[in-house]
Amino acid sequence: MVAATVGPMNFLALAQRLQSESGTSGAPQTTVLNATGEWLRLCNWVANAYTDLQNKRQDWLWMEHDVEFDTISGQQVYPPASTVFTTPAGTGLPDFKKWELSTSSGENSFRLWLKSAGNHNETFLSSGLSYPEFRDYYQYGAKRDTLARPISIVVDPAKSIQLGLTPNDVYTVVGKYFSAPKLLATDADVPDFPDCYHMLIVWMALEQYGIYQSSPEVIARAQSNGKPLLQSLEDEQMEEIGWADPLVD
C-alpha cells in the first residue's frame, strides 16, 4: 500500500506544493485569495483536481454519511431539502448528493422502528422496487389511502425518499447518503479524505499543468507519482464488494 508521508495539507499548502513541483518562477505565495496570473492557474488546478477526485467515484467512503429522521403519520414523501433530520441535526441536507438505499453487495441500507417502541422493533426497508414499480404498487387504488408500517423505500425522480406503505405512526428511519463534492476556496480548507493521500491532488493538478505546458515529461512524472496513490486510496476508501449467495445449495 503506497501513501505519501505528509500530514494534512490545506488549500494553500497544496497550491504551494504544486508551485514547487511545477518549478514555476516567483517567491512562494502566502494566500490563495485574490490570486492572479500563473498563481491563479495553479490554485484553480488544485481546486479542480479535488473536485475531479471526488467525482471520480460515486461510492467514496469518506463521502458516505449516516442519516436519521422521524416520519410523520400520513406523509409518504421525504425530500432531502426540507425533511427535519436528527442526524445530521437540522432541516435539510445542504451537502446532499444521493441516497444509498443499498450497498454494493445488494444489502438494504435503510431500516426503521416504531419510535414509541424503541429500536428493538427495528426492521429493514426493502429497496428492490424501481420507482415505476413502486408507484404502480403503492400509489394505486386503495393503497393510496392505506396507512401502515412502511416496508419498502424508493427514491423518486426529485430525489425524495418515498415510503410504502404511508406511515400510520411516527417511525424512526436510519440510513446512508452520499454528499456532493466540496470545494476548496480558502487558505485553511482541507480535503476530507485521509491526510496521507493529499499529495494525490498535487499530482493530479501537476498533470493539468503539464498538459497546459505541452510537457510530456511533467505529465509522465505526475502520472507516475499519482497512480499508486490513487490505487491505494481506492483500496481503502471504496466499499468491498461481497459475493452473492449461491442460487442453489
Protein backbone atom coordinates (compact mmCIF):
# COMPACT_ATOMS: atom_id res chain seq x y z
CA MET A 1 0.00 0.00 0.00
CA VAL A 2 1.54 3.28 -1.13
CA ALA A 3 0.95 6.54 0.73
CA ALA A 4 2.67 9.87 0.98
CA THR A 5 4.46 10.60 4.24
CA VAL A 6 2.91 14.01 4.78
CA GLY A 7 0.40 15.40 7.23
CA PRO A 8 -2.82 17.20 6.36
CA MET A 9 -2.46 19.80 3.63
CA ASN A 10 -4.83 22.73 3.30
CA PHE A 11 -5.64 24.54 0.05
CA LEU A 12 -2.72 26.96 0.46
CA ALA A 13 -0.23 24.19 1.22
CA LEU A 14 -1.43 22.17 -1.77
CA ALA A 15 -1.07 25.14 -4.11
CA GLN A 16 2.38 25.96 -2.71
CA ARG A 17 3.48 22.35 -3.22
CA LEU A 18 2.19 22.46 -6.81
CA GLN A 19 4.17 25.66 -7.34
CA SER A 20 7.28 23.85 -6.11
CA GLU A 21 6.71 20.64 -8.09
CA SER A 22 5.97 22.55 -11.28
CA GLY A 23 9.09 24.68 -10.93
CA THR A 24 7.19 27.86 -11.71
CA SER A 25 9.02 31.07 -11.05
CA GLY A 26 8.43 33.54 -8.28
CA ALA A 27 8.51 33.54 -4.50
CA PRO A 28 6.13 31.17 -2.67
CA GLN A 29 2.70 32.78 -2.36
CA THR A 30 1.07 33.22 1.04
CA THR A 31 -2.64 33.10 0.20
CA VAL A 32 -4.98 31.67 -2.43
CA LEU A 33 -7.29 34.68 -2.09
CA ASN A 34 -7.32 37.25 -4.87
CA ALA A 35 -4.85 35.16 -6.87
CA THR A 36 -3.82 36.40 -10.30
CA GLY A 37 -1.78 35.23 -13.27
CA GLU A 38 0.14 31.99 -13.01
CA TRP A 39 -0.62 31.62 -9.28
CA LEU A 40 -4.34 31.74 -10.10
CA ARG A 41 -3.90 28.94 -12.64
CA LEU A 42 -2.07 26.82 -10.06
CA CYS A 43 -4.80 27.42 -7.48
CA ASN A 44 -7.51 26.56 -10.00
CA TRP A 45 -5.78 23.32 -10.99
CA VAL A 46 -5.59 22.29 -7.34
CA ALA A 47 -9.25 23.13 -6.70
CA ASN A 48 -10.34 21.35 -9.88
CA ALA A 49 -8.24 18.29 -9.04
CA TYR A 50 -10.03 17.89 -5.70
CA THR A 51 -13.42 18.21 -7.40
CA ASP A 52 -12.39 15.73 -10.10
CA LEU A 53 -11.19 13.25 -7.47
CA GLN A 54 -14.49 13.42 -5.60
CA ASN A 55 -16.37 12.86 -8.85
CA LYS A 56 -14.13 10.00 -9.94
CA ARG A 57 -16.13 7.52 -7.85
CA GLN A 58 -19.77 7.53 -6.79
CA ASP A 59 -19.10 5.48 -3.64
CA TRP A 60 -16.13 7.03 -1.81
CA LEU A 61 -16.44 6.03 1.84
CA TRP A 62 -15.34 9.46 3.05
CA MET A 63 -18.37 10.94 1.28
CA GLU A 64 -20.81 8.48 2.87
CA HIS A 65 -22.77 9.73 5.91
CA ASP A 66 -25.36 8.50 8.39
CA VAL A 67 -28.84 9.97 8.28
CA GLU A 68 -31.80 9.70 10.66
CA PHE A 69 -35.27 11.22 10.69
CA ASP A 70 -38.72 10.62 12.13
CA THR A 71 -41.67 10.02 9.86
CA ILE A 72 -44.91 11.98 10.07
CA SER A 73 -48.13 9.98 10.18
CA GLY A 74 -49.83 10.25 6.79
CA GLN A 75 -46.75 11.61 4.97
CA GLN A 76 -45.23 9.36 2.33
CA VAL A 77 -42.63 11.66 0.71
CA TYR A 78 -39.47 12.99 2.45
CA PRO A 79 -37.40 15.49 0.40
CA PRO A 80 -33.71 15.88 1.31
CA ALA A 81 -34.00 19.69 1.37
CA SER A 82 -36.97 20.05 3.74
CA THR A 83 -37.08 16.98 5.99
CA VAL A 84 -36.21 17.55 9.64
CA PHE A 85 -33.25 15.29 10.41
CA THR A 86 -31.94 14.04 13.73
CA THR A 87 -28.63 13.09 12.06
CA PRO A 88 -27.20 15.36 10.85
CA ALA A 89 -29.26 17.63 13.07
CA GLY A 90 -31.39 20.25 11.37
CA THR A 91 -33.72 20.80 8.46
CA GLY A 92 -32.43 19.57 5.11
CA LEU A 93 -29.11 18.15 3.95
CA PRO A 94 -27.15 21.06 2.43
CA ASP A 95 -24.39 18.74 1.19
CA PHE A 96 -26.75 16.09 -0.24
CA LYS A 97 -25.91 14.29 -3.50
CA LYS A 98 -27.73 10.95 -3.43
CA TRP A 99 -29.26 8.36 -1.11
CA GLU A 100 -27.62 4.98 -0.56
CA LEU A 101 -30.60 2.62 -0.44
CA SER A 102 -28.45 -0.49 -0.76
CA THR A 103 -24.79 -1.40 -0.52
CA SER A 104 -22.65 -2.56 -3.44
CA SER A 105 -23.32 -6.15 -2.35
CA GLY A 106 -27.08 -5.58 -2.56
CA GLU A 107 -27.87 -5.33 1.15
CA ASN A 108 -30.55 -2.86 2.26
CA SER A 109 -29.11 0.23 3.96
CA PHE A 110 -32.29 1.81 5.33
CA ARG A 111 -34.23 0.47 8.30
CA LEU A 112 -36.85 1.81 10.70
CA TRP A 113 -38.52 1.21 14.03
CA LEU A 114 -41.68 2.40 15.73
CA LYS A 115 -40.44 5.36 17.76
CA SER A 116 -42.69 4.67 20.75
CA ALA A 117 -41.49 1.05 20.90
CA GLY A 118 -37.75 1.70 20.67
CA ASN A 119 -35.12 0.25 18.35
CA HIS A 120 -35.66 -3.38 19.41
CA ASN A 121 -38.60 -3.03 16.98
CA GLU A 122 -36.19 -2.31 14.07
CA THR A 123 -36.69 -3.86 10.62
CA PHE A 124 -35.10 -3.34 7.21
CA LEU A 125 -36.80 -1.39 4.45
CA SER A 126 -36.83 -3.23 1.14
CA SER A 127 -35.32 -1.27 -1.76
CA GLY A 128 -35.88 -3.83 -4.51
CA LEU A 129 -38.53 -1.95 -6.50
CA SER A 130 -37.79 0.59 -9.21
CA TYR A 131 -39.69 3.86 -8.92
CA PRO A 132 -42.24 2.91 -11.65
CA GLU A 133 -42.82 -0.44 -9.90
CA PHE A 134 -43.17 1.27 -6.52
CA ARG A 135 -45.58 3.84 -7.94
CA ASP A 136 -47.73 1.20 -9.63
CA TYR A 137 -47.97 -0.79 -6.41
CA TYR A 138 -48.12 1.74 -3.56
CA GLN A 139 -49.79 4.64 -5.38
CA TYR A 140 -52.64 2.77 -6.99
CA GLY A 141 -56.20 2.19 -5.86
CA ALA A 142 -56.87 1.58 -2.19
CA LYS A 143 -53.16 1.54 -1.30
CA ARG A 144 -53.05 5.32 -1.91
CA ASP A 145 -55.10 5.76 1.27
CA THR A 146 -53.73 2.87 3.30
CA LEU A 147 -51.70 3.85 6.37
CA ALA A 148 -49.49 1.16 7.91
CA ARG A 149 -45.95 0.36 8.94
CA PRO A 150 -43.68 1.05 5.94
CA ILE A 151 -41.89 -1.97 4.50
CA SER A 152 -40.45 -0.50 1.29
CA ILE A 153 -38.42 2.53 0.23
CA VAL A 154 -37.63 4.16 -3.10
CA VAL A 155 -36.08 7.35 -4.46
CA ASP A 156 -38.35 9.31 -6.80
CA PRO A 157 -37.19 11.45 -9.76
CA ALA A 158 -36.97 14.52 -7.48
CA LYS A 159 -34.50 12.60 -5.23
CA SER A 160 -37.05 12.46 -2.40
CA ILE A 161 -37.48 9.30 -0.33
CA GLN A 162 -40.89 7.66 -0.60
CA LEU A 163 -42.08 5.04 1.85
CA GLY A 164 -44.54 2.26 1.18
CA LEU A 165 -46.93 1.97 2.80
CA THR A 166 -47.55 5.51 4.00
CA PRO A 167 -46.65 5.67 7.73
CA ASN A 168 -49.52 5.30 10.19
CA ASP A 169 -47.42 6.49 13.14
CA VAL A 170 -44.07 8.07 13.98
CA TYR A 171 -41.22 5.80 12.91
CA THR A 172 -37.50 6.48 13.18
CA VAL A 173 -35.74 5.90 9.87
CA VAL A 174 -31.97 5.46 9.64
CA GLY A 175 -29.81 5.03 6.55
CA LYS A 176 -27.00 6.48 4.47
CA TYR A 177 -26.44 9.23 1.93
CA PHE A 178 -23.51 10.49 -0.13
CA SER A 179 -22.50 14.14 -0.01
CA ALA A 180 -21.88 16.34 -3.02
CA PRO A 181 -18.28 17.37 -3.80
CA LYS A 182 -16.87 20.06 -1.56
CA LEU A 183 -14.91 22.97 -2.99
CA LEU A 184 -11.54 24.30 -1.92
CA ALA A 185 -11.96 28.06 -1.59
CA THR A 186 -9.99 29.49 1.36
CA ASP A 187 -6.43 29.00 2.59
CA ALA A 188 -7.48 26.78 5.51
CA ASP A 189 -9.80 24.44 3.57
CA VAL A 190 -8.62 20.83 3.97
CA PRO A 191 -9.69 17.87 1.80
CA ASP A 192 -11.93 15.38 3.61
CA PHE A 193 -10.14 12.16 2.69
CA PRO A 194 -7.20 10.73 4.73
CA ASP A 195 -4.20 13.03 5.13
CA CYS A 196 -1.69 10.55 3.75
CA TYR A 197 -3.24 10.81 0.27
CA HIS A 198 -3.43 14.61 -0.01
CA MET A 199 -0.43 14.67 -2.36
CA LEU A 200 -2.64 12.92 -4.92
CA ILE A 201 -4.32 16.29 -5.50
CA VAL A 202 -0.94 17.85 -6.24
CA TRP A 203 -0.06 15.14 -8.77
CA MET A 204 -3.46 15.42 -10.47
CA ALA A 205 -3.03 19.20 -10.66
CA LEU A 206 0.54 18.83 -11.92
CA GLU A 207 -0.75 16.66 -14.76
CA GLN A 208 -3.05 19.50 -15.81
CA TYR A 209 -0.10 21.90 -15.61
CA GLY A 210 1.89 19.55 -17.85
CA ILE A 211 -0.94 19.45 -20.39
CA TYR A 212 -1.11 23.26 -20.32
CA GLN A 213 2.65 23.46 -20.89
CA SER A 214 2.63 20.66 -23.50
CA SER A 215 5.26 18.90 -21.40
CA PRO A 216 5.23 15.07 -21.71
CA GLU A 217 7.92 14.80 -19.04
CA VAL A 218 5.82 16.64 -16.46
CA ILE A 219 2.73 14.63 -17.37
CA ALA A 220 4.64 11.36 -17.04
CA ARG A 221 6.07 12.34 -13.62
CA ALA A 222 2.65 13.38 -12.36
CA GLN A 223 1.07 10.13 -13.51
CA SER A 224 3.92 8.00 -12.17
CA ASN A 225 3.52 9.53 -8.68
CA GLY A 226 -0.24 9.82 -8.73
CA LYS A 227 -1.39 6.40 -9.95
CA PRO A 228 -0.06 4.39 -6.96
CA LEU A 229 -1.66 6.86 -4.55
CA LEU A 230 -4.99 6.67 -6.38
CA GLN A 231 -4.89 2.87 -6.30
CA SER A 232 -4.21 2.86 -2.57
CA LEU A 233 -6.95 5.40 -1.95
CA GLU A 234 -9.42 3.26 -3.90
CA ASP A 235 -8.39 0.18 -1.94
CA GLU A 236 -9.00 1.99 1.35
CA GLN A 237 -11.96 4.21 0.54
CA MET A 238 -14.21 2.01 -1.58
CA GLU A 239 -16.77 -0.40 -0.18
CA GLU A 240 -15.74 -4.03 -0.57
CA ILE A 241 -17.93 -5.96 -2.97
CA GLY A 242 -19.09 -9.21 -1.43
CA TRP A 243 -20.02 -12.45 -3.14
CA ALA A 244 -23.71 -13.12 -3.74
CA ASP A 245 -25.31 -16.17 -2.13
CA PRO A 246 -25.44 -19.25 -4.40
CA LEU A 247 -28.66 -19.73 -6.35
CA VAL A 248 -28.87 -23.39 -5.30
CA ASP A 249 -27.44 -25.41 -2.43
